[in-house]
Amino acid sequence: MTAAGRLSRLGHPKFLRKGVSRVTRIPLSPGDEVDAVVRTVTPFGVFVRTEAGVSGLVRAARDEVGTRLHLRVVEFDPDERRFSATVA
């Protein structure tokens, strides 16, 4: 593979995301409390993002996009850099 081919592959979002998750470890554990902003509203809950850029899902929440929530982490997946939470 040429150097140009490697550079184009490394710019792919899949590679960037994997690289970031390995370099930046976010130590979240069940029971931790975090603040996050609602990014997307769905019929089953809301997707949020913390200031550190970690995405999460809050099931059965009915808040509007842009709302800041104080959450309690239920589960955290360090490989995917995402969590599930409830409103604290």
PDB file of N, CA and C in Angstrom:
ATOM      1  N   MET A   1       0.854  -1.179   0.000  1.00  0.00           N
ATOM      2  CA  MET A   1       0.000   0.000   0.000  1.00  0.00           C
ATOM      3  C   MET A   1       0.894   1.234   0.000  1.00  0.00           C
ATOM      4  N   THR A   2       0.507   2.221  -0.761  1.00  0.00           N
ATOM      5  CA  THR A   2       1.298   3.448  -0.840  1.00  0.00           C
ATOM      6  C   THR A   2       1.035   4.309   0.383  1.00  0.00           C
ATOM      7  N   ALA A   3       1.916   5.271   0.608  1.00  0.00           N
ATOM      8  CA  ALA A   3       1.743   6.191   1.738  1.00  0.00           C
ATOM      9  C   ALA A   3       0.444   6.966   1.594  1.00  0.00           C
ATOM     10  N   ALA A   4       0.094   7.356   0.370  1.00  0.00           N
ATOM     11  CA  ALA A   4      -1.157   8.100   0.153  1.00  0.00           C
ATOM     12  C   ALA A   4      -2.357   7.229   0.497  1.00  0.00           C
ATOM     13  N   GLY A   5      -2.302   5.934   0.145  1.00  0.00           N
ATOM     14  CA  GLY A   5      -3.396   5.019   0.467  1.00  0.00           C
ATOM     15  C   GLY A   5      -3.580   4.865   1.962  1.00  0.00           C
ATOM     16  N   ARG A   6      -2.460   4.772   2.680  1.00  0.00           N
ATOM     17  CA  ARG A   6      -2.553   4.662   4.145  1.00  0.00           C
ATOM     18  C   ARG A   6      -3.152   5.919   4.751  1.00  0.00           C
ATOM     19  N   LEU A   7      -2.751   7.086   4.262  1.00  0.00           N
ATOM     20  CA  LEU A   7      -3.279   8.338   4.803  1.00  0.00           C
ATOM     21  C   LEU A   7      -4.771   8.449   4.558  1.00  0.00           C
ATOM     22  N   SER A   8      -5.239   8.041   3.380  1.00  0.00           N
ATOM     23  CA  SER A   8      -6.672   8.147   3.115  1.00  0.00           C
ATOM     24  C   SER A   8      -7.458   7.186   4.011  1.00  0.00           C
ATOM     25  N   ARG A   9      -6.921   5.995   4.281  1.00  0.00           N
ATOM     26  CA  ARG A   9      -7.594   5.053   5.182  1.00  0.00           C
ATOM     27  C   ARG A   9      -7.632   5.594   6.598  1.00  0.00           C
ATOM     28  N   LEU A  10      -6.525   6.225   7.030  1.00  0.00           N
ATOM     29  CA  LEU A  10      -6.467   6.738   8.403  1.00  0.00           C
ATOM     30  C   LEU A  10      -7.423   7.893   8.614  1.00  0.00           C
ATOM     31  N   GLY A  11      -7.798   8.573   7.551  1.00  0.00           N
ATOM     32  CA  GLY A  11      -8.744   9.674   7.676  1.00  0.00           C
ATOM     33  C   GLY A  11     -10.188   9.219   7.758  1.00  0.00           C
ATOM     34  N   HIS A  12     -10.430   7.937   7.550  1.00  0.00           N
ATOM     35  CA  HIS A  12     -11.782   7.384   7.618  1.00  0.00           C
ATOM     36  C   HIS A  12     -12.300   7.491   9.052  1.00  0.00           C
ATOM     37  N   PRO A  13     -13.569   7.907   9.249  1.00  0.00           N
ATOM     38  CA  PRO A  13     -14.111   8.073  10.612  1.00  0.00           C
ATOM     39  C   PRO A  13     -13.963   6.848  11.504  1.00  0.00           C
ATOM     40  N   LYS A  14     -14.041   5.649  10.931  1.00  0.00           N
ATOM     41  CA  LYS A  14     -13.907   4.434  11.738  1.00  0.00           C
ATOM     42  C   LYS A  14     -12.535   4.392  12.402  1.00  0.00           C
ATOM     43  N   PHE A  15     -11.485   4.708  11.650  1.00  0.00           N
ATOM     44  CA  PHE A  15     -10.141   4.684  12.193  1.00  0.00           C
ATOM     45  C   PHE A  15      -9.937   5.816  13.199  1.00  0.00           C
ATOM     46  N   LEU A  16     -10.469   6.985  12.920  1.00  0.00           N
ATOM     47  CA  LEU A  16     -10.316   8.106  13.852  1.00  0.00           C
ATOM     48  C   LEU A  16     -10.996   7.798  15.172  1.00  0.00           C
ATOM     49  N   ARG A  17     -12.191   7.224  15.107  1.00  0.00           N
ATOM     50  CA  ARG A  17     -12.928   6.911  16.324  1.00  0.00           C
ATOM     51  C   ARG A  17     -12.196   5.861  17.149  1.00  0.00           C
ATOM     52  N   LYS A  18     -11.720   4.826  16.491  1.00  0.00           N
ATOM     53  CA  LYS A  18     -10.997   3.777  17.210  1.00  0.00           C
ATOM     54  C   LYS A  18      -9.748   4.356  17.851  1.00  0.00           C
ATOM     55  N   GLY A  19      -9.022   5.202  17.122  1.00  0.00           N
ATOM     56  CA  GLY A  19      -7.805   5.796  17.664  1.00  0.00           C
ATOM     57  C   GLY A  19      -8.093   6.650  18.880  1.00  0.00           C
ATOM     58  N   VAL A  20      -9.157   7.412  18.818  1.00  0.00           N
ATOM     59  CA  VAL A  20      -9.505   8.279  19.945  1.00  0.00           C
ATOM     60  C   VAL A  20      -9.884   7.443  21.151  1.00  0.00           C
ATOM     61  N   SER A  21     -10.655   6.371  20.948  1.00  0.00           N
ATOM     62  CA  SER A  21     -11.096   5.569  22.089  1.00  0.00           C
ATOM     63  C   SER A  21      -9.922   4.876  22.771  1.00  0.00           C
ATOM     64  N   ARG A  22      -8.885   4.557  22.014  1.00  0.00           N
ATOM     65  CA  ARG A  22      -7.723   3.921  22.625  1.00  0.00           C
ATOM     66  C   ARG A  22      -6.843   4.927  23.344  1.00  0.00           C
ATOM     67  N   VAL A  23      -6.747   6.130  22.794  1.00  0.00           N
ATOM     68  CA  VAL A  23      -5.871   7.146  23.378  1.00  0.00           C
ATOM     69  C   VAL A  23      -6.528   7.809  24.577  1.00  0.00           C
ATOM     70  N   THR A  24      -7.791   8.167  24.425  1.00  0.00           N
ATOM     71  CA  THR A  24      -8.496   8.889  25.480  1.00  0.00           C
ATOM     72  C   THR A  24      -9.415   7.944  26.221  1.00  0.00           C
ATOM     73  N   ARG A  25      -9.035   7.506  27.377  1.00  0.00           N
ATOM     74  CA  ARG A  25      -9.891   6.638  28.190  1.00  0.00           C
ATOM     75  C   ARG A  25     -10.716   7.514  29.133  1.00  0.00           C
ATOM     76  N   ILE A  26     -12.006   7.356  29.080  1.00  0.00           N
ATOM     77  CA  ILE A  26     -12.915   8.093  29.948  1.00  0.00           C
ATOM     78  C   ILE A  26     -13.313   7.139  31.058  1.00  0.00           C
ATOM     79  N   PRO A  27     -12.856   7.391  32.284  1.00  0.00           N
ATOM     80  CA  PRO A  27     -13.146   6.447  33.372  1.00  0.00           C
ATOM     81  C   PRO A  27     -14.541   6.628  33.965  1.00  0.00           C
ATOM     82  N   LEU A  28     -15.571   6.179  33.258  1.00  0.00           N
ATOM     83  CA  LEU A  28     -16.924   6.214  33.790  1.00  0.00           C
ATOM     84  C   LEU A  28     -17.258   4.850  34.357  1.00  0.00           C
ATOM     85  N   SER A  29     -17.960   4.850  35.458  1.00  0.00           N
ATOM     86  CA  SER A  29     -18.379   3.607  36.095  1.00  0.00           C
ATOM     87  C   SER A  29     -19.840   3.724  36.497  1.00  0.00           C
ATOM     88  N   PRO A  30     -20.547   2.601  36.605  1.00  0.00           N
ATOM     89  CA  PRO A  30     -21.922   2.651  37.091  1.00  0.00           C
ATOM     90  C   PRO A  30     -21.985   3.381  38.431  1.00  0.00           C
ATOM     91  N   GLY A  31     -22.937   4.292  38.531  1.00  0.00           N
ATOM     92  CA  GLY A  31     -23.094   5.078  39.749  1.00  0.00           C
ATOM     93  C   GLY A  31     -22.492   6.465  39.655  1.00  0.00           C
ATOM     94  N   ASP A  32     -21.571   6.695  38.700  1.00  0.00           N
ATOM     95  CA  ASP A  32     -20.987   8.027  38.518  1.00  0.00           C
ATOM     96  C   ASP A  32     -22.070   8.999  38.074  1.00  0.00           C
ATOM     97  N   GLU A  33     -21.921  10.257  38.463  1.00  0.00           N
ATOM     98  CA  GLU A  33     -22.856  11.290  38.019  1.00  0.00           C
ATOM     99  C   GLU A  33     -22.145  12.229  37.059  1.00  0.00           C
ATOM    100  N   VAL A  34     -22.805  12.530  35.940  1.00  0.00           N
ATOM    101  CA  VAL A  34     -22.233  13.389  34.909  1.00  0.00           C
ATOM    102  C   VAL A  34     -23.292  14.365  34.414  1.00  0.00           C
ATOM    103  N   ASP A  35     -22.836  15.466  33.841  1.00  0.00           N
ATOM    104  CA  ASP A  35     -23.717  16.410  33.173  1.00  0.00           C
ATOM    105  C   ASP A  35     -23.595  16.193  31.678  1.00  0.00           C
ATOM    106  N   ALA A  36     -24.715  16.276  30.964  1.00  0.00           N
ATOM    107  CA  ALA A  36     -24.710  16.065  29.519  1.00  0.00           C
ATOM    108  C   ALA A  36     -25.814  16.905  28.889  1.00  0.00           C
ATOM    109  N   VAL A  37     -25.682  17.131  27.580  1.00  0.00           N
ATOM    110  CA  VAL A  37     -26.652  17.921  26.829  1.00  0.00           C
ATOM    111  C   VAL A  37     -27.401  16.998  25.872  1.00  0.00           C
ATOM    112  N   VAL A  38     -28.711  17.169  25.805  1.00  0.00           N
ATOM    113  CA  VAL A  38     -29.558  16.369  24.913  1.00  0.00           C
ATOM    114  C   VAL A  38     -29.236  16.744  23.467  1.00  0.00           C
ATOM    115  N   ARG A  39     -28.927  15.732  22.642  1.00  0.00           N
ATOM    116  CA  ARG A  39     -28.603  15.932  21.228  1.00  0.00           C
ATOM    117  C   ARG A  39     -29.725  15.475  20.307  1.00  0.00           C
ATOM    118  N   THR A  40     -30.405  14.373  20.668  1.00  0.00           N
ATOM    119  CA  THR A  40     -31.461  13.809  19.822  1.00  0.00           C
ATOM    120  C   THR A  40     -32.576  13.262  20.704  1.00  0.00           C
ATOM    121  N   VAL A  41     -33.804  13.486  20.272  1.00  0.00           N
ATOM    122  CA  VAL A  41     -34.968  12.957  20.992  1.00  0.00           C
ATOM    123  C   VAL A  41     -35.576  11.845  20.135  1.00  0.00           C
ATOM    124  N   THR A  42     -35.851  10.693  20.765  1.00  0.00           N
ATOM    125  CA  THR A  42     -36.462   9.558  20.067  1.00  0.00           C
ATOM    126  C   THR A  42     -37.689   9.097  20.861  1.00  0.00           C
ATOM    127  N   PRO A  43     -38.508   8.214  20.295  1.00  0.00           N
ATOM    128  CA  PRO A  43     -39.669   7.714  21.028  1.00  0.00           C
ATOM    129  C   PRO A  43     -39.299   6.926  22.292  1.00  0.00           C
ATOM    130  N   PHE A  44     -38.079   6.377  22.352  1.00  0.00           N
ATOM    131  CA  PHE A  44     -37.695   5.551  23.494  1.00  0.00           C
ATOM    132  C   PHE A  44     -36.765   6.257  24.483  1.00  0.00           C
ATOM    133  N   GLY A  45     -36.421   7.512  24.236  1.00  0.00           N
ATOM    134  CA  GLY A  45     -35.545   8.256  25.150  1.00  0.00           C
ATOM    135  C   GLY A  45     -34.789   9.343  24.424  1.00  0.00           C
ATOM    136  N   VAL A  46     -33.702   9.819  25.041  1.00  0.00           N
ATOM    137  CA  VAL A  46     -32.895  10.874  24.436  1.00  0.00           C
ATOM    138  C   VAL A  46     -31.432  10.446  24.373  1.00  0.00           C
ATOM    139  N   PHE A  47     -30.758  10.898  23.327  1.00  0.00           N
ATOM    140  CA  PHE A  47     -29.320  10.703  23.224  1.00  0.00           C
ATOM    141  C   PHE A  47     -28.658  11.976  23.716  1.00  0.00           C
ATOM    142  N   VAL A  48     -27.615  11.808  24.518  1.00  0.00           N
ATOM    143  CA  VAL A  48     -26.929  12.949  25.130  1.00  0.00           C
ATOM    144  C   VAL A  48     -25.438  12.873  24.828  1.00  0.00           C
ATOM    145  N   ARG A  49     -24.734  13.974  25.098  1.00  0.00           N
ATOM    146  CA  ARG A  49     -23.276  14.000  24.961  1.00  0.00           C
ATOM    147  C   ARG A  49     -22.697  14.824  26.105  1.00  0.00           C
ATOM    148  N   THR A  50     -21.651  14.266  26.738  1.00  0.00           N
ATOM    149  CA  THR A  50     -20.975  14.972  27.831  1.00  0.00           C
ATOM    150  C   THR A  50     -19.992  15.983  27.251  1.00  0.00           C
ATOM    151  N   GLU A  51     -19.439  16.845  28.112  1.00  0.00           N
ATOM    152  CA  GLU A  51     -18.436  17.814  27.667  1.00  0.00           C
ATOM    153  C   GLU A  51     -17.196  17.111  27.138  1.00  0.00           C
ATOM    154  N   ALA A  52     -16.909  15.909  27.627  1.00  0.00           N
ATOM    155  CA  ALA A  52     -15.750  15.135  27.169  1.00  0.00           C
ATOM    156  C   ALA A  52     -16.017  14.463  25.825  1.00  0.00           C
ATOM    157  N   GLY A  53     -17.246  14.596  25.304  1.00  0.00           N
ATOM    158  CA  GLY A  53     -17.571  14.030  24.003  1.00  0.00           C
ATOM    159  C   GLY A  53     -18.067  12.604  24.028  1.00  0.00           C
ATOM    160  N   VAL A  54     -18.433  12.106  25.201  1.00  0.00           N
ATOM    161  CA  VAL A  54     -18.929  10.738  25.325  1.00  0.00           C
ATOM    162  C   VAL A  54     -20.452  10.751  25.137  1.00  0.00           C
ATOM    163  N   SER A  55     -20.941   9.892  24.245  1.00  0.00           N
ATOM    164  CA  SER A  55     -22.370   9.826  23.954  1.00  0.00           C
ATOM    165  C   SER A  55     -23.061   8.843  24.886  1.00  0.00           C
ATOM    166  N   GLY A  56     -24.342   9.109  25.134  1.00  0.00           N
ATOM    167  CA  GLY A  56     -25.100   8.222  26.000  1.00  0.00           C
ATOM    168  C   GLY A  56     -26.578   8.218  25.654  1.00  0.00           C
ATOM    169  N   LEU A  57     -27.275   7.276  26.246  1.00  0.00           N
ATOM    170  CA  LEU A  57     -28.718   7.134  26.054  1.00  0.00           C
ATOM    171  C   LEU A  57     -29.405   7.184  27.408  1.00  0.00           C
ATOM    172  N   VAL A  58     -30.445   8.001  27.483  1.00  0.00           N
ATOM    173  CA  VAL A  58     -31.279   8.069  28.684  1.00  0.00           C
ATOM    174  C   VAL A  58     -32.660   7.593  28.253  1.00  0.00           C
ATOM    175  N   ARG A  59     -33.018   6.375  28.652  1.00  0.00           N
ATOM    176  CA  ARG A  59     -34.296   5.787  28.236  1.00  0.00           C
ATOM    177  C   ARG A  59     -35.461   6.472  28.945  1.00  0.00           C
ATOM    178  N   ALA A  60     -36.558   6.578  28.223  1.00  0.00           N
ATOM    179  CA  ALA A  60     -37.820   7.123  28.729  1.00  0.00           C
ATOM    180  C   ALA A  60     -37.742   8.590  29.121  1.00  0.00           C
ATOM    181  N   ALA A  61     -36.676   9.293  28.792  1.00  0.00           N
ATOM    182  CA  ALA A  61     -36.594  10.727  29.065  1.00  0.00           C
ATOM    183  C   ALA A  61     -37.338  11.483  27.967  1.00  0.00           C
ATOM    184  N   ARG A  62     -37.908  12.599  28.310  1.00  0.00           N
ATOM    185  CA  ARG A  62     -38.680  13.392  27.356  1.00  0.00           C
ATOM    186  C   ARG A  62     -38.253  14.858  27.409  1.00  0.00           C
ATOM    187  N   ASP A  63     -36.973  15.119  27.239  1.00  0.00           N
ATOM    188  CA  ASP A  63     -36.470  16.493  27.278  1.00  0.00           C
ATOM    189  C   ASP A  63     -36.235  16.997  25.865  1.00  0.00           C
ATOM    190  N   GLU A  64     -36.050  18.308  25.727  1.00  0.00           N
ATOM    191  CA  GLU A  64     -35.846  18.912  24.419  1.00  0.00           C
ATOM    192  C   GLU A  64     -34.366  18.971  24.080  1.00  0.00           C
ATOM    193  N   VAL A  65     -34.082  19.043  22.782  1.00  0.00           N
ATOM    194  CA  VAL A  65     -32.703  19.180  22.318  1.00  0.00           C
ATOM    195  C   VAL A  65     -32.098  20.438  22.938  1.00  0.00           C
ATOM    196  N   GLY A  66     -30.875  20.319  23.437  1.00  0.00           N
ATOM    197  CA  GLY A  66     -30.185  21.440  24.051  1.00  0.00           C
ATOM    198  C   GLY A  66     -30.321  21.501  25.566  1.00  0.00           C
ATOM    199  N   THR A  67     -31.212  20.699  26.137  1.00  0.00           N
ATOM    200  CA  THR A  67     -31.410  20.686  27.589  1.00  0.00           C
ATOM    201  C   THR A  67     -30.214  20.036  28.269  1.00  0.00           C
ATOM    202  N   ARG A  68     -29.729  20.660  29.340  1.00  0.00           N
ATOM    203  CA  ARG A  68     -28.621  20.098  30.127  1.00  0.00           C
ATOM    204  C   ARG A  68     -29.223  19.232  31.230  1.00  0.00           C
ATOM    205  N   LEU A  69     -28.722  17.990  31.332  1.00  0.00           N
ATOM    206  CA  LEU A  69     -29.222  17.044  32.324  1.00  0.00           C
ATOM    207  C   LEU A  69     -28.109  16.592  33.261  1.00  0.00           C
ATOM    208  N   HIS A  70     -28.467  16.328  34.509  1.00  0.00           N
ATOM    209  CA  HIS A  70     -27.547  15.730  35.477  1.00  0.00           C
ATOM    210  C   HIS A  70     -27.933  14.254  35.546  1.00  0.00           C
ATOM    211  N   LEU A  71     -26.993  13.354  35.202  1.00  0.00           N
ATOM    212  CA  LEU A  71     -27.305  11.945  35.015  1.00  0.00           C
ATOM    213  C   LEU A  71     -26.501  11.032  35.928  1.00  0.00           C
ATOM    214  N   ARG A  72     -27.039   9.850  36.173  1.00  0.00           N
ATOM    215  CA  ARG A  72     -26.326   8.791  36.894  1.00  0.00           C
ATOM    216  C   ARG A  72     -26.066   7.659  35.895  1.00  0.00           C
ATOM    217  N   VAL A  73     -24.799   7.296  35.733  1.00  0.00           N
ATOM    218  CA  VAL A  73     -24.395   6.260  34.780  1.00  0.00           C
ATOM    219  C   VAL A  73     -24.880   4.892  35.259  1.00  0.00           C
ATOM    220  N   VAL A  74     -25.531   4.154  34.353  1.00  0.00           N
ATOM    221  CA  VAL A  74     -25.987   2.795  34.650  1.00  0.00           C
ATOM    222  C   VAL A  74     -24.993   1.791  34.068  1.00  0.00           C
ATOM    223  N   GLU A  75     -24.551   2.030  32.832  1.00  0.00           N
ATOM    224  CA  GLU A  75     -23.597   1.162  32.138  1.00  0.00           C
ATOM    225  C   GLU A  75     -22.651   2.030  31.328  1.00  0.00           C
ATOM    226  N   PHE A  76     -21.402   1.569  31.141  1.00  0.00           N
ATOM    227  CA  PHE A  76     -20.443   2.274  30.290  1.00  0.00           C
ATOM    228  C   PHE A  76     -19.671   1.268  29.460  1.00  0.00           C
ATOM    229  N   ASP A  77     -19.584   1.506  28.158  1.00  0.00           N
ATOM    230  CA  ASP A  77     -18.826   0.662  27.235  1.00  0.00           C
ATOM    231  C   ASP A  77     -17.594   1.445  26.790  1.00  0.00           C
ATOM    232  N   PRO A  78     -16.414   1.156  27.374  1.00  0.00           N
ATOM    233  CA  PRO A  78     -15.211   1.932  27.050  1.00  0.00           C
ATOM    234  C   PRO A  78     -14.738   1.750  25.618  1.00  0.00           C
ATOM    235  N   ASP A  79     -14.982   0.592  25.010  1.00  0.00           N
ATOM    236  CA  ASP A  79     -14.554   0.380  23.629  1.00  0.00           C
ATOM    237  C   ASP A  79     -15.352   1.223  22.648  1.00  0.00           C
ATOM    238  N   GLU A  80     -16.636   1.361  22.896  1.00  0.00           N
ATOM    239  CA  GLU A  80     -17.501   2.164  22.033  1.00  0.00           C
ATOM    240  C   GLU A  80     -17.629   3.608  22.520  1.00  0.00           C
ATOM    241  N   ARG A  81     -17.119   3.894  23.710  1.00  0.00           N
ATOM    242  CA  ARG A  81     -17.206   5.227  24.325  1.00  0.00           C
ATOM    243  C   ARG A  81     -18.657   5.698  24.405  1.00  0.00           C
ATOM    244  N   ARG A  82     -19.519   4.884  24.978  1.00  0.00           N
ATOM    245  CA  ARG A  82     -20.916   5.283  25.162  1.00  0.00           C
ATOM    246  C   ARG A  82     -21.430   4.712  26.470  1.00  0.00           C
ATOM    247  N   PHE A  83     -22.504   5.334  26.964  1.00  0.00           N
ATOM    248  CA  PHE A  83     -23.054   4.924  28.256  1.00  0.00           C
ATOM    249  C   PHE A  83     -24.564   4.976  28.220  1.00  0.00           C
ATOM    250  N   SER A  84     -25.174   4.314  29.194  1.00  0.00           N
ATOM    251  CA  SER A  84     -26.607   4.464  29.423  1.00  0.00           C
ATOM    252  C   SER A  84     -26.751   5.056  30.813  1.00  0.00           C
ATOM    253  N   ALA A  85     -27.806   5.831  30.999  1.00  0.00           N
ATOM    254  CA  ALA A  85     -27.941   6.563  32.257  1.00  0.00           C
ATOM    255  C   ALA A  85     -29.399   6.813  32.605  1.00  0.00           C
ATOM    256  N   THR A  86     -29.611   7.243  33.829  1.00  0.00           N
ATOM    257  CA  THR A  86     -30.906   7.709  34.294  1.00  0.00           C
ATOM    258  C   THR A  86     -30.726   9.130  34.804  1.00  0.00           C
ATOM    259  N   VAL A  87     -31.811   9.870  34.898  1.00  0.00           N
ATOM    260  CA  VAL A  87     -31.734  11.221  35.428  1.00  0.00           C
ATOM    261  C   VAL A  87     -31.469  11.131  36.929  1.00  0.00           C
ATOM    262  N   ALA A  88     -30.445  11.851  37.388  1.00  0.00           N
ATOM    263  CA  ALA A  88     -30.050  11.797  38.811  1.00  0.00           C
ATOM    264  C   ALA A  88     -30.965  12.640  39.668  1.00  0.00           C
TER     265      ALA A  88
END
